[in-house]
Amino acid sequence: MKFGTSALALCAFLAACGSGTPFNGETETDTGTDGSTGASAIPEELANDLKSFSYDPASQTLSITGITADDSEFTADYRRRPGLDRNGYEAYTAQDGSLDRHVTAYVKDIDGTRAAVVMTGGQFEQVFSGAAYSNTSYSAPVAVGSEEQGGLVTYAGNYIGLLNGAGSGEDLAPVADGTDPDPLSRQAAEVTGKVVLTGDFTDAAVAGIIYDRKVTDFDTGGTYDPNSATPFEAQNIALDSTGIADDGSFFGTASQSNNAVGEYGGIFGGTGATEVAGVIHAENHIALGGSGTPIEYGAFVLTQCGQPGEDAICDQPER
């Protein structure tokens, strides 16, 4: 994906434009962008350049296939970077050398329900990106059309996103003093937030919101300082109501002020849909000034309210 703008044009910000099978603790998530269909296929709008990811939460290892110009044309093993962890999501990066493109990925798993998002830093006016999700089991809390109690379920937790702009750059490989920055890779900026999602399994529908959104490593003054930078507060993204398929997957429109800005999708997991994993893609949704196209890919993995590990917002007064 190519964009006709430079980092300087946007205050040094814009640099450019399934189901899994467990194996020894590791799960391969195939996006289906090779032409396969079915439960494992992730909509192309969300998968984008990502072909698959393989993740083992026990050993904290992640490998990714399909992101152009990373360590390998085929499958790249990413480095664990605990110092970049955000909002409970594990960070992994890849960069082969100082003149090569930097890649950031975030992943989270709850009992086999997982999602990952990956984006390169801008280099040569290009970024490569994508996101995917999977589960290892699923059953709905009630059957569609059932009059049983428990068909309306809320999920809540944290969100992580990556933006096609220059972030703090602390993970970039060192370069020699005096090196011209124009050919160098940036490090993708990070977006944090919160998610509340409602699953109506009686009517087979899902909707939600991503709120409290902040671009954590972008200083509104135009210069990043990790000790004093003020995060850029971004507008909420609504996850418009859409249907839940028989396998627990869903795909719908992401919007702001009732205007579509992208897409979201995901899959419920666990017996009684105790978890949900999802991803989003949004464009032209952050007003930073200047020219160019802000593009964001993000992920969320949430626990059902009432389950162990529920988010604090779930603790509300009884009626």
Protein backbone atom coordinates (compact mmCIF):
# COMPACT_ATOMS: atom_id res chain seq x y z
CA MET A 1 0.00 0.00 0.00
CA LYS A 2 1.50 3.34 -1.07
CA PHE A 3 0.81 6.89 0.05
CA GLY A 4 2.02 10.15 -1.44
CA THR A 5 3.12 11.94 1.72
CA SER A 6 6.15 12.21 3.97
CA ALA A 7 6.67 12.12 7.71
CA LEU A 8 7.64 15.78 7.74
CA ALA A 9 4.38 16.77 6.09
CA LEU A 10 2.48 15.52 9.12
CA CYS A 11 4.64 16.84 11.93
CA ALA A 12 6.89 13.79 11.56
CA PHE A 13 3.89 11.54 12.22
CA LEU A 14 2.56 10.05 8.99
CA ALA A 15 5.36 8.11 7.37
CA ALA A 16 3.20 6.70 4.57
CA CYS A 17 0.13 5.93 4.00
CA GLY A 18 -10.32 -18.81 11.68
CA SER A 19 -9.92 -21.19 13.48
CA GLY A 20 -6.64 -22.61 14.73
CA THR A 21 -5.34 -26.07 15.45
CA PRO A 22 -3.30 -26.43 18.67
CA PHE A 23 0.04 -28.22 18.35
CA ASN A 24 2.37 -28.54 21.35
CA GLY A 25 1.00 -25.30 22.78
CA GLU A 26 1.44 -23.47 19.46
CA THR A 27 -1.47 -22.49 17.23
CA GLU A 28 -1.29 -21.60 13.55
CA THR A 29 -3.83 -19.02 12.41
CA ASP A 30 -4.30 -18.94 8.64
CA THR A 31 -6.09 -15.88 7.26
CA GLY A 32 -7.31 -17.72 4.16
CA THR A 33 -5.94 -15.03 1.84
CA ASP A 34 -4.41 -17.80 -0.27
CA GLY A 35 -7.91 -18.49 -1.59
CA SER A 36 -9.19 -20.91 1.06
CA THR A 37 -12.64 -20.38 2.55
CA GLY A 38 -14.60 -21.39 5.63
CA ALA A 39 -14.17 -20.65 9.31
CA SER A 40 -10.43 -20.07 8.95
CA ALA A 41 -10.82 -17.36 6.30
CA ILE A 42 -10.36 -13.79 7.58
CA PRO A 43 -12.00 -11.06 5.45
CA GLU A 44 -9.43 -9.56 3.10
CA GLU A 45 -10.12 -6.04 4.38
CA LEU A 46 -8.79 -7.15 7.79
CA ALA A 47 -6.07 -9.66 6.85
CA ASN A 48 -4.56 -7.36 4.20
CA ASP A 49 -0.87 -8.40 3.82
CA LEU A 50 -0.94 -10.96 6.64
CA LYS A 51 -1.10 -14.60 5.49
CA SER A 52 -0.82 -16.35 8.87
CA PHE A 53 0.62 -16.12 12.36
CA SER A 54 1.83 -18.86 14.68
CA TYR A 55 1.90 -18.14 18.40
CA ASP A 56 2.83 -20.08 21.53
CA PRO A 57 1.86 -18.19 24.71
CA ALA A 58 3.82 -20.60 26.93
CA SER A 59 7.17 -20.02 25.22
CA GLN A 60 6.23 -16.51 24.05
CA THR A 61 7.19 -17.14 20.44
CA LEU A 62 5.57 -15.59 17.40
CA SER A 63 6.17 -16.14 13.70
CA ILE A 64 4.40 -14.32 10.90
CA THR A 65 3.97 -15.07 7.20
CA GLY A 66 3.07 -12.59 4.50
CA ILE A 67 4.21 -9.15 5.70
CA THR A 68 6.32 -7.95 2.77
CA ALA A 69 9.89 -6.82 3.39
CA ASP A 70 10.27 -8.21 6.92
CA ASP A 71 13.07 -10.62 7.91
CA SER A 72 12.00 -13.22 5.37
CA GLU A 73 9.97 -13.47 2.19
CA PHE A 74 8.24 -16.45 3.75
CA THR A 75 7.90 -16.90 7.54
CA ALA A 76 9.70 -14.59 9.97
CA ASP A 77 10.34 -15.31 13.64
CA TYR A 78 9.79 -12.15 15.65
CA ARG A 79 11.72 -11.02 18.72
CA ARG A 80 9.89 -10.74 22.06
CA ARG A 81 9.97 -7.13 23.31
CA PRO A 82 8.46 -6.92 26.84
CA GLY A 83 9.40 -3.25 27.07
CA LEU A 84 6.88 -2.49 24.31
CA ASP A 85 3.98 -4.42 25.89
CA ARG A 86 0.81 -2.34 26.00
CA ASN A 87 -2.55 -2.93 27.70
CA GLY A 88 -1.84 -6.61 28.38
CA TYR A 89 -0.84 -7.38 24.77
CA GLU A 90 2.58 -8.93 24.11
CA ALA A 91 4.90 -7.04 21.76
CA TYR A 92 7.14 -8.60 19.12
CA THR A 93 9.31 -6.88 16.53
CA ALA A 94 11.53 -7.66 13.55
CA GLN A 95 14.24 -5.67 11.75
CA ASP A 96 17.10 -7.40 9.98
CA GLY A 97 19.42 -4.41 9.81
CA SER A 98 19.61 -0.65 10.28
CA LEU A 99 18.60 0.03 6.67
CA ASP A 100 15.79 -2.54 6.65
CA ARG A 101 12.12 -2.10 7.40
CA HIS A 102 11.03 -2.36 11.05
CA VAL A 103 7.94 -4.42 11.95
CA THR A 104 5.84 -4.36 15.13
CA ALA A 105 3.30 -7.01 16.14
CA TYR A 106 0.97 -7.40 19.13
CA VAL A 107 -0.76 -10.61 20.18
CA LYS A 108 -2.97 -11.83 23.02
CA ASP A 109 -4.52 -15.18 23.88
CA ILE A 110 -7.23 -16.16 26.35
CA ASP A 111 -7.70 -19.94 26.57
CA GLY A 112 -7.06 -20.45 22.85
CA THR A 113 -9.03 -17.44 21.62
CA ARG A 114 -6.49 -15.01 20.19
CA ALA A 115 -5.81 -12.09 17.89
CA ALA A 116 -2.73 -10.47 16.39
CA VAL A 117 -2.03 -7.20 14.62
CA VAL A 118 1.13 -6.36 12.69
CA MET A 119 2.40 -3.27 10.85
CA THR A 120 5.70 -2.15 9.40
CA GLY A 121 7.09 1.28 9.98
CA GLY A 122 6.91 3.60 7.00
CA GLN A 123 9.82 3.33 4.57
CA PHE A 124 10.02 4.39 0.92
CA GLU A 125 6.46 5.78 1.30
CA GLN A 126 5.02 2.32 2.01
CA VAL A 127 3.69 0.32 4.93
CA PHE A 128 2.59 -3.33 5.11
CA SER A 129 0.04 -4.47 7.67
CA GLY A 130 -2.75 -6.84 8.65
CA ALA A 131 -4.59 -8.52 11.50
CA ALA A 132 -6.17 -11.90 12.24
CA TYR A 133 -7.96 -13.92 14.92
CA SER A 134 -8.82 -17.53 15.74
CA ASN A 135 -10.28 -19.83 18.37
CA THR A 136 -9.84 -23.46 19.35
CA SER A 137 -13.40 -24.07 20.58
CA TYR A 138 -16.80 -22.42 20.53
CA SER A 139 -20.37 -22.89 21.64
CA ALA A 140 -23.02 -20.19 22.01
CA PRO A 141 -24.57 -19.56 25.43
CA VAL A 142 -28.08 -20.09 23.96
CA ALA A 143 -29.46 -21.19 20.62
CA VAL A 144 -30.58 -18.55 18.13
CA GLY A 145 -34.21 -17.65 18.80
CA SER A 146 -34.14 -19.25 22.24
CA GLU A 147 -36.16 -17.73 25.07
CA GLU A 148 -33.65 -18.94 27.64
CA GLN A 149 -31.90 -16.50 29.95
CA GLY A 150 -28.25 -15.69 29.27
CA GLY A 151 -28.48 -14.85 25.58
CA LEU A 152 -27.35 -11.23 26.03
CA VAL A 153 -23.68 -11.11 27.03
CA THR A 154 -21.20 -8.26 27.53
CA TYR A 155 -17.45 -8.37 26.96
CA ALA A 156 -14.94 -5.73 28.03
CA GLY A 157 -11.20 -5.14 28.07
CA ASN A 158 -8.29 -3.40 26.41
CA TYR A 159 -7.50 -2.56 22.80
CA ILE A 160 -4.18 -2.23 20.96
CA GLY A 161 -3.66 -0.70 17.55
CA LEU A 162 -0.88 0.26 15.16
CA LEU A 163 -0.93 3.39 13.03
CA ASN A 164 0.96 4.11 9.81
CA GLY A 165 2.96 6.87 11.40
CA ALA A 166 6.30 7.43 13.06
CA GLY A 167 6.16 6.47 16.72
CA SER A 168 8.81 6.75 19.41
CA GLY A 169 11.39 4.66 17.53
CA GLU A 170 13.03 3.11 20.60
CA ASP A 171 13.24 -0.35 18.99
CA LEU A 172 14.88 0.77 15.74
CA ALA A 173 18.35 -0.58 14.97
CA PRO A 174 21.12 2.01 15.49
CA VAL A 175 22.51 3.97 12.57
CA ALA A 176 25.81 5.76 12.13
CA ASP A 177 25.97 9.41 13.13
CA GLY A 178 25.19 11.67 10.21
CA THR A 179 23.08 9.10 8.33
CA ASP A 180 20.41 10.78 6.21
CA PRO A 181 17.03 9.78 7.76
CA ASP A 182 15.10 9.77 4.46
CA PRO A 183 15.82 6.13 3.48
CA LEU A 184 15.43 4.79 7.03
CA SER A 185 12.44 2.88 8.41
CA ARG A 186 10.20 4.39 11.04
CA GLN A 187 8.65 2.42 13.91
CA ALA A 188 4.85 2.22 13.74
CA ALA A 189 2.99 4.31 16.30
CA GLU A 190 0.83 2.60 18.93
CA VAL A 191 -2.81 3.23 19.79
CA THR A 192 -4.35 2.09 23.07
CA GLY A 193 -7.97 2.05 24.13
CA LYS A 194 -10.81 0.18 25.77
CA VAL A 195 -13.55 -2.00 24.26
CA VAL A 196 -17.07 -2.88 25.32
CA LEU A 197 -18.82 -5.43 23.11
CA THR A 198 -22.33 -6.87 23.40
CA GLY A 199 -23.20 -10.27 21.99
CA ASP A 200 -26.91 -10.94 21.54
CA PHE A 201 -26.89 -14.67 20.87
CA THR A 202 -30.68 -14.93 20.89
CA ASP A 203 -30.80 -12.65 17.84
CA ALA A 204 -27.30 -13.60 16.59
CA ALA A 205 -26.01 -10.01 16.60
CA VAL A 206 -22.97 -8.19 17.95
CA ALA A 207 -22.07 -4.50 18.42
CA GLY A 208 -19.66 -2.42 20.47
CA ILE A 209 -17.32 0.53 20.80
CA ILE A 210 -13.60 1.26 21.08
CA TYR A 211 -13.18 4.24 23.37
CA ASP A 212 -10.59 6.08 25.48
CA ARG A 213 -8.36 5.92 22.42
CA LYS A 214 -4.87 7.43 22.62
CA VAL A 215 -1.90 7.47 20.26
CA THR A 216 0.51 6.87 23.11
CA ASP A 217 3.80 7.71 21.42
CA PHE A 218 2.85 10.84 19.52
CA ASP A 219 3.43 14.21 21.15
CA THR A 220 0.94 16.93 20.17
CA GLY A 221 3.82 19.39 20.26
CA GLY A 222 5.40 17.57 17.32
CA THR A 223 8.39 16.10 19.17
CA TYR A 224 8.30 12.82 21.08
CA ASP A 225 9.67 12.86 24.61
CA PRO A 226 9.02 9.60 26.54
CA ASN A 227 9.19 11.48 29.83
CA SER A 228 6.78 14.28 29.03
CA ALA A 229 4.93 13.57 25.79
CA THR A 230 1.19 14.13 25.81
CA PRO A 231 -0.65 11.27 24.07
CA PHE A 232 -2.82 12.29 21.13
CA GLU A 233 -6.44 11.57 22.07
CA ALA A 234 -8.27 9.97 19.15
CA GLN A 235 -12.00 9.75 18.46
CA ASN A 236 -14.00 6.68 19.49
CA ILE A 237 -14.75 4.00 16.90
CA ALA A 238 -18.20 2.39 16.92
CA LEU A 239 -18.53 -1.27 15.96
CA ASP A 240 -21.87 -1.26 14.18
CA SER A 241 -24.36 -4.07 14.75
CA THR A 242 -23.76 -7.12 12.56
CA GLY A 243 -24.67 -10.80 12.53
CA ILE A 244 -22.99 -13.69 14.34
CA ALA A 245 -22.42 -16.74 12.11
CA ASP A 246 -22.95 -20.33 13.27
CA ASP A 247 -19.20 -20.74 13.90
CA GLY A 248 -19.13 -17.65 16.15
CA SER A 249 -17.50 -15.35 13.60
CA PHE A 250 -18.70 -11.88 12.63
CA PHE A 251 -17.81 -9.07 10.22
CA GLY A 252 -19.20 -5.54 10.17
CA THR A 253 -18.67 -1.82 9.70
CA ALA A 254 -16.52 0.41 11.91
CA SER A 255 -17.83 3.98 12.07
CA GLN A 256 -17.44 7.43 13.61
CA SER A 257 -20.38 9.83 13.91
CA ASN A 258 -22.43 7.40 11.80
CA ASN A 259 -19.91 7.53 8.96
CA ALA A 260 -18.11 4.36 7.92
CA VAL A 261 -14.34 4.51 8.46
CA GLY A 262 -13.49 0.83 8.04
CA GLU A 263 -14.35 -2.70 9.06
CA TYR A 264 -14.14 -4.97 12.08
CA GLY A 265 -14.45 -8.69 12.55
CA GLY A 266 -13.73 -11.47 14.97
CA ILE A 267 -14.78 -14.74 16.52
CA PHE A 268 -16.19 -15.87 19.85
CA GLY A 269 -14.46 -18.68 21.69
CA GLY A 270 -14.93 -21.06 24.61
CA THR A 271 -17.88 -23.00 25.95
CA GLY A 272 -20.70 -20.48 26.24
CA ALA A 273 -18.64 -17.90 24.30
CA THR A 274 -16.58 -16.95 27.36
CA GLU A 275 -14.11 -14.96 25.23
CA VAL A 276 -14.04 -13.00 22.01
CA ALA A 277 -11.17 -11.99 19.72
CA GLY A 278 -11.47 -9.33 17.07
CA VAL A 279 -9.59 -6.91 14.84
CA ILE A 280 -10.30 -3.65 13.03
CA HIS A 281 -9.13 -1.69 10.02
CA ALA A 282 -9.84 2.06 9.80
CA GLU A 283 -8.75 4.89 7.49
CA ASN A 284 -9.13 8.68 7.44
CA HIS A 285 -10.37 8.54 11.04
CA ILE A 286 -7.78 10.61 12.89
CA ALA A 287 -7.46 14.35 12.23
CA LEU A 288 -3.76 15.12 12.58
CA GLY A 289 -3.60 17.93 10.05
CA GLY A 290 -1.52 18.03 6.90
CA SER A 291 -2.02 15.58 4.05
CA GLY A 292 -1.97 11.82 3.80
CA THR A 293 -4.15 8.91 4.79
CA PRO A 294 -4.07 7.74 8.43
CA ILE A 295 -4.46 3.95 8.49
CA GLU A 296 -4.93 1.85 11.61
CA TYR A 297 -5.09 -1.89 12.24
CA GLY A 298 -5.92 -3.07 15.74
CA ALA A 299 -6.89 -6.05 17.88
CA PHE A 300 -8.88 -6.91 20.99
CA VAL A 301 -9.20 -10.10 23.03
CA LEU A 302 -11.85 -9.81 25.73
CA THR A 303 -13.30 -11.83 28.60
CA GLN A 304 -17.04 -12.14 29.09
CA CYS A 305 -18.37 -10.15 32.04
CA GLY A 306 -19.06 -12.52 34.92
CA GLN A 307 -16.15 -14.78 34.05
CA PRO A 308 -12.82 -14.97 35.94
CA GLY A 309 -10.55 -12.17 34.81
CA GLU A 310 -13.42 -9.88 33.80
CA ASP A 311 -12.63 -6.21 33.20
CA ALA A 312 -13.23 -3.74 36.05
CA ILE A 313 -16.01 -1.99 34.10
CA CYS A 314 -18.09 -5.16 34.40
CA ASP A 315 -18.58 -4.51 38.15
CA GLN A 316 -21.77 -2.45 37.97
CA PRO A 317 -24.63 -2.05 40.50
CA GLU A 318 -27.45 -4.59 40.41
CA ARG A 319 -30.85 -3.31 39.28
